Protein backbone atom coordinates (compact mmCIF):
# COMPACT_ATOMS: atom_id res chain seq x y z
CA MET A 1 83.34 91.18 69.85
CA THR A 2 84.92 88.55 70.29
CA LEU A 3 86.94 86.69 73.24
CA ARG A 4 90.40 85.82 72.78
CA VAL A 5 91.92 83.16 74.84
CA THR A 6 95.61 83.24 75.34
CA THR A 7 98.13 81.20 77.43
CA ARG A 8 98.88 84.59 79.53
CA SER A 9 94.84 85.42 80.14
CA SER A 10 94.15 81.57 81.02
CA VAL A 11 96.95 81.59 83.11
CA LEU A 12 96.27 84.98 85.02
CA LEU A 13 92.45 83.49 85.24
CA LEU A 14 93.72 80.12 87.03
CA LEU A 15 96.30 82.07 89.39
CA LEU A 16 93.10 84.82 90.33
CA ALA A 17 90.86 81.49 90.76
CA SER A 18 93.47 79.48 93.12
CA SER A 19 94.27 82.30 94.88
CA PRO A 20 90.71 82.93 96.98
CA PHE A 21 90.66 79.07 96.93
CA LEU A 22 94.30 79.07 99.45
CA LEU A 23 93.22 82.29 101.33
CA THR A 24 89.65 80.67 102.17
CA THR A 25 90.39 77.68 103.18
CA SER A 26 92.81 78.87 105.45
CA TYR A 27 91.03 81.42 107.11
CA ALA A 28 87.54 80.09 107.43
CA GLY A 29 87.53 78.63 111.14
CA SER A 30 91.46 79.47 111.95
CA ASP A 31 92.99 81.62 114.47
CA SER A 32 96.06 80.28 113.38
CA SER A 33 98.96 83.39 112.20
CA LEU A 34 101.41 80.42 111.16
CA GLU A 35 99.05 79.41 108.73
CA LYS A 36 97.64 82.53 107.45
CA ALA A 37 101.51 83.52 107.30
CA GLY A 38 101.85 80.08 105.06
CA SER A 39 98.67 81.33 102.62
CA VAL A 40 100.13 84.53 102.04
CA VAL A 41 103.72 83.08 100.95
CA ALA A 42 102.12 80.41 98.98
CA ILE A 43 100.57 83.58 96.80
CA ALA A 44 103.87 85.41 97.10
CA ILE A 45 105.97 83.42 95.57
CA PRO A 46 103.75 82.64 92.31
CA ALA A 47 103.63 86.23 92.77
CA ILE A 48 107.22 86.96 92.53
CA ALA A 49 108.11 84.46 90.35
CA TYR A 50 106.07 85.76 87.47
CA GLY A 51 106.82 88.82 88.44
CA SER A 52 110.52 88.04 87.74
CA THR A 53 109.63 87.46 84.31
CA TYR A 54 108.92 91.28 83.86
CA TYR A 55 111.93 92.36 85.80
CA LYS A 56 114.50 91.04 83.58
CA ASP A 57 111.82 92.01 80.22
CA ASP A 58 111.96 87.68 79.53
CA LYS A 59 108.94 86.90 77.49
CA GLN A 60 110.01 83.65 77.04
CA GLY A 61 110.09 83.28 80.69
CA ARG A 62 106.72 84.21 81.55
CA GLU A 63 105.30 81.69 78.26
CA GLN A 64 107.13 79.02 80.94
CA PHE A 65 105.41 80.56 84.20
CA TYR A 66 102.30 80.22 82.38
CA GLN A 67 103.01 76.73 81.23
CA ALA A 68 104.22 75.08 83.95
CA PHE A 69 101.86 77.07 86.56
CA GLY A 70 98.98 76.05 84.85
CA THR A 71 99.80 72.71 84.20
CA THR A 72 100.29 72.92 88.42
CA VAL A 73 97.16 74.07 89.20
CA ALA A 74 95.15 71.96 86.24
CA THR A 75 96.40 68.75 87.54
CA THR A 76 96.19 69.81 91.40
CA TYR A 77 92.54 70.61 90.81
CA ALA A 78 91.97 67.21 89.24
CA LEU A 79 93.78 64.77 91.36
CA LYS A 80 91.55 66.41 94.25
CA ALA A 81 88.18 65.89 92.49
CA VAL A 82 89.36 62.16 91.37
CA ILE A 83 90.86 60.99 94.61
CA ASP A 84 88.81 60.93 97.59
CA LYS A 85 91.00 61.76 100.45
CA GLU A 86 89.98 63.32 103.84
CA ARG A 87 92.08 66.68 105.55
CA PRO A 88 93.33 65.39 109.00
CA ASN A 89 91.23 67.75 110.80
CA GLY A 90 88.75 65.92 109.43
CA ASP A 91 86.97 68.71 107.74
CA GLY A 92 86.59 67.97 104.22
CA ASP A 93 87.79 65.10 101.14
CA ASN A 94 89.72 67.40 99.16
CA SER A 95 93.33 66.94 100.76
CA PHE A 96 95.39 64.97 98.07
CA PRO A 97 97.71 66.77 97.28
CA SER A 98 98.03 70.50 98.64
CA SER A 99 97.29 73.06 96.81
CA HIS A 100 99.67 75.35 98.69
CA ALA A 101 102.96 73.37 98.23
CA SER A 102 102.23 72.62 94.92
CA ALA A 103 101.62 76.67 94.34
CA ALA A 104 104.91 77.25 96.43
CA PHE A 105 107.22 74.76 95.07
CA GLN A 106 106.18 75.60 91.09
CA SER A 107 107.06 78.90 91.46
CA ALA A 108 110.07 78.27 93.56
CA SER A 109 111.56 75.50 91.27
CA PHE A 110 110.49 78.33 88.16
CA ILE A 111 112.98 80.70 90.07
CA HIS A 112 115.76 77.76 90.16
CA GLN A 113 116.04 77.18 86.56
CA ARG A 114 115.08 80.04 84.84
CA TYR A 115 117.67 82.36 86.65
CA GLY A 116 119.26 79.67 89.15
CA LEU A 117 119.89 78.61 92.91
CA GLU A 118 121.33 81.58 94.10
CA TYR A 119 117.83 83.53 93.53
CA SER A 120 115.68 80.77 94.58
CA ILE A 121 116.63 80.03 98.18
CA PRO A 122 114.56 82.79 99.39
CA ALA A 123 111.75 80.93 97.53
CA TYR A 124 112.91 77.02 98.47
CA LEU A 125 112.57 78.89 102.14
CA GLY A 126 109.42 80.06 101.41
CA ALA A 127 107.91 77.49 100.02
CA GLY A 128 109.26 74.45 102.75
CA PHE A 129 107.41 77.35 105.22
CA VAL A 130 104.66 76.95 103.54
CA ALA A 131 104.19 73.24 103.67
CA TYR A 132 105.21 73.28 106.86
CA SER A 133 102.70 75.57 107.68
CA ARG A 134 99.86 73.16 106.63
CA LEU A 135 101.15 70.49 108.31
CA GLU A 136 100.72 72.30 111.14
CA ALA A 137 97.38 73.36 110.74
CA ASP A 138 96.72 69.79 110.70
CA GLU A 139 94.72 70.63 106.88
CA HIS A 140 97.27 67.71 104.91
CA ASP A 141 99.46 64.94 106.26
CA THR A 142 103.06 64.70 104.94
CA VAL A 143 101.91 63.06 102.21
CA ASP A 144 99.88 65.21 100.51
CA VAL A 145 102.53 68.00 101.26
CA LEU A 146 105.07 65.64 99.29
CA ALA A 147 103.16 65.05 96.25
CA GLY A 148 102.28 68.70 95.98
CA ALA A 149 105.64 69.57 96.43
CA ALA A 150 106.51 66.97 93.31
CA LEU A 151 103.96 68.18 90.88
CA GLY A 152 104.89 71.63 91.30
CA MET A 153 108.27 70.87 90.98
CA VAL A 154 107.95 68.75 87.90
CA SER A 155 106.06 70.48 85.89
CA SER A 156 108.68 73.84 86.30
CA TRP A 157 111.12 71.08 85.53
CA TYR A 158 109.38 70.35 81.96
CA PHE A 159 108.40 73.46 81.09
CA THR A 160 111.27 75.67 81.82
CA THR A 161 114.40 76.19 80.63
CA ASN A 162 117.61 78.16 81.93
CA TYR A 163 117.81 81.89 81.12
CA ASN A 164 120.81 81.79 80.36
CA ASP A 165 121.28 78.42 78.98
CA GLN A 166 124.21 77.31 80.90
CA LEU A 167 122.87 74.73 83.41
CA LEU A 168 119.77 72.28 82.86
CA ILE A 169 118.41 69.88 85.32
CA ALA A 170 115.58 67.67 84.25
CA PRO A 171 114.17 64.61 85.16
CA ASN A 172 114.84 61.30 83.36
CA LEU A 173 112.22 58.99 83.36
CA SER A 174 112.02 55.56 81.42
CA PRO A 175 110.10 52.14 82.94
CA ASP A 176 112.89 50.92 84.58
CA TYR A 177 114.57 54.16 85.37
CA TYR A 178 114.27 57.62 87.27
CA GLY A 179 117.07 60.22 87.35
CA LEU A 180 117.65 63.47 86.51
CA THR A 181 119.77 64.65 83.70
CA VAL A 182 122.16 67.69 84.50
CA ASN A 183 123.73 69.37 81.70
CA TYR A 184 126.17 72.06 81.58
CA GLN A 185 126.93 74.21 78.47
CA PHE A 186 130.37 76.08 78.72
CA LYS A 187 131.03 79.20 77.06
C-alpha cells in the first residue's frame, strides 16, 4: 500500500492540525465567551472560504486556497518556533504572530481576491472580530495580531487570482518601493 500525499491532503491535514490548536489555546483556562466566539469564527472563516470553492465548482480556486492556507499555517508556526515572544498574559512564549488572525485574514483575503469584495465583507468583519477577541483575551498584543493579519493577507495576494479575471490586486515589493498593483481587465 502506498500513501499518496497531494496538495489537497497536505492542506486538509494542516487545517485539521491547526483547528485543535486554535480551539485549545483559547478554551484552556478561559471563561471568556468573547474569546471562545473568536476561536470559533477563526475556524469558520477558513471553512467557509474552502467551502466556497466547492459551491462555485472552482477547482483552480481550491488549489489556490490550499497553497495560500498551507503557506500561512507553515509560516505562522515557523515564526512562532523561531521568535520567542511571551504572551501578554504570561501564558507561554509563542505569541508572535497570532495564528487566529493569520488564518482568519488569509481566508477573508482569499474570498476577496478570488470572488470579489462584496463576498468578502462579512469575512473581513469576522476576521476583525477574531483579532479583537485575541487582544481582549490578552493572548496577543497589537503587533502579534497585525503581523498575523498581514501574513495571511500577503499569502492570499500572492497565490490567488480573480475568479472572473477582471480585477487583480497584488503586492508590488522591491528594495526601495512597497505598494500595490491594481489591474482591471475590461471586457
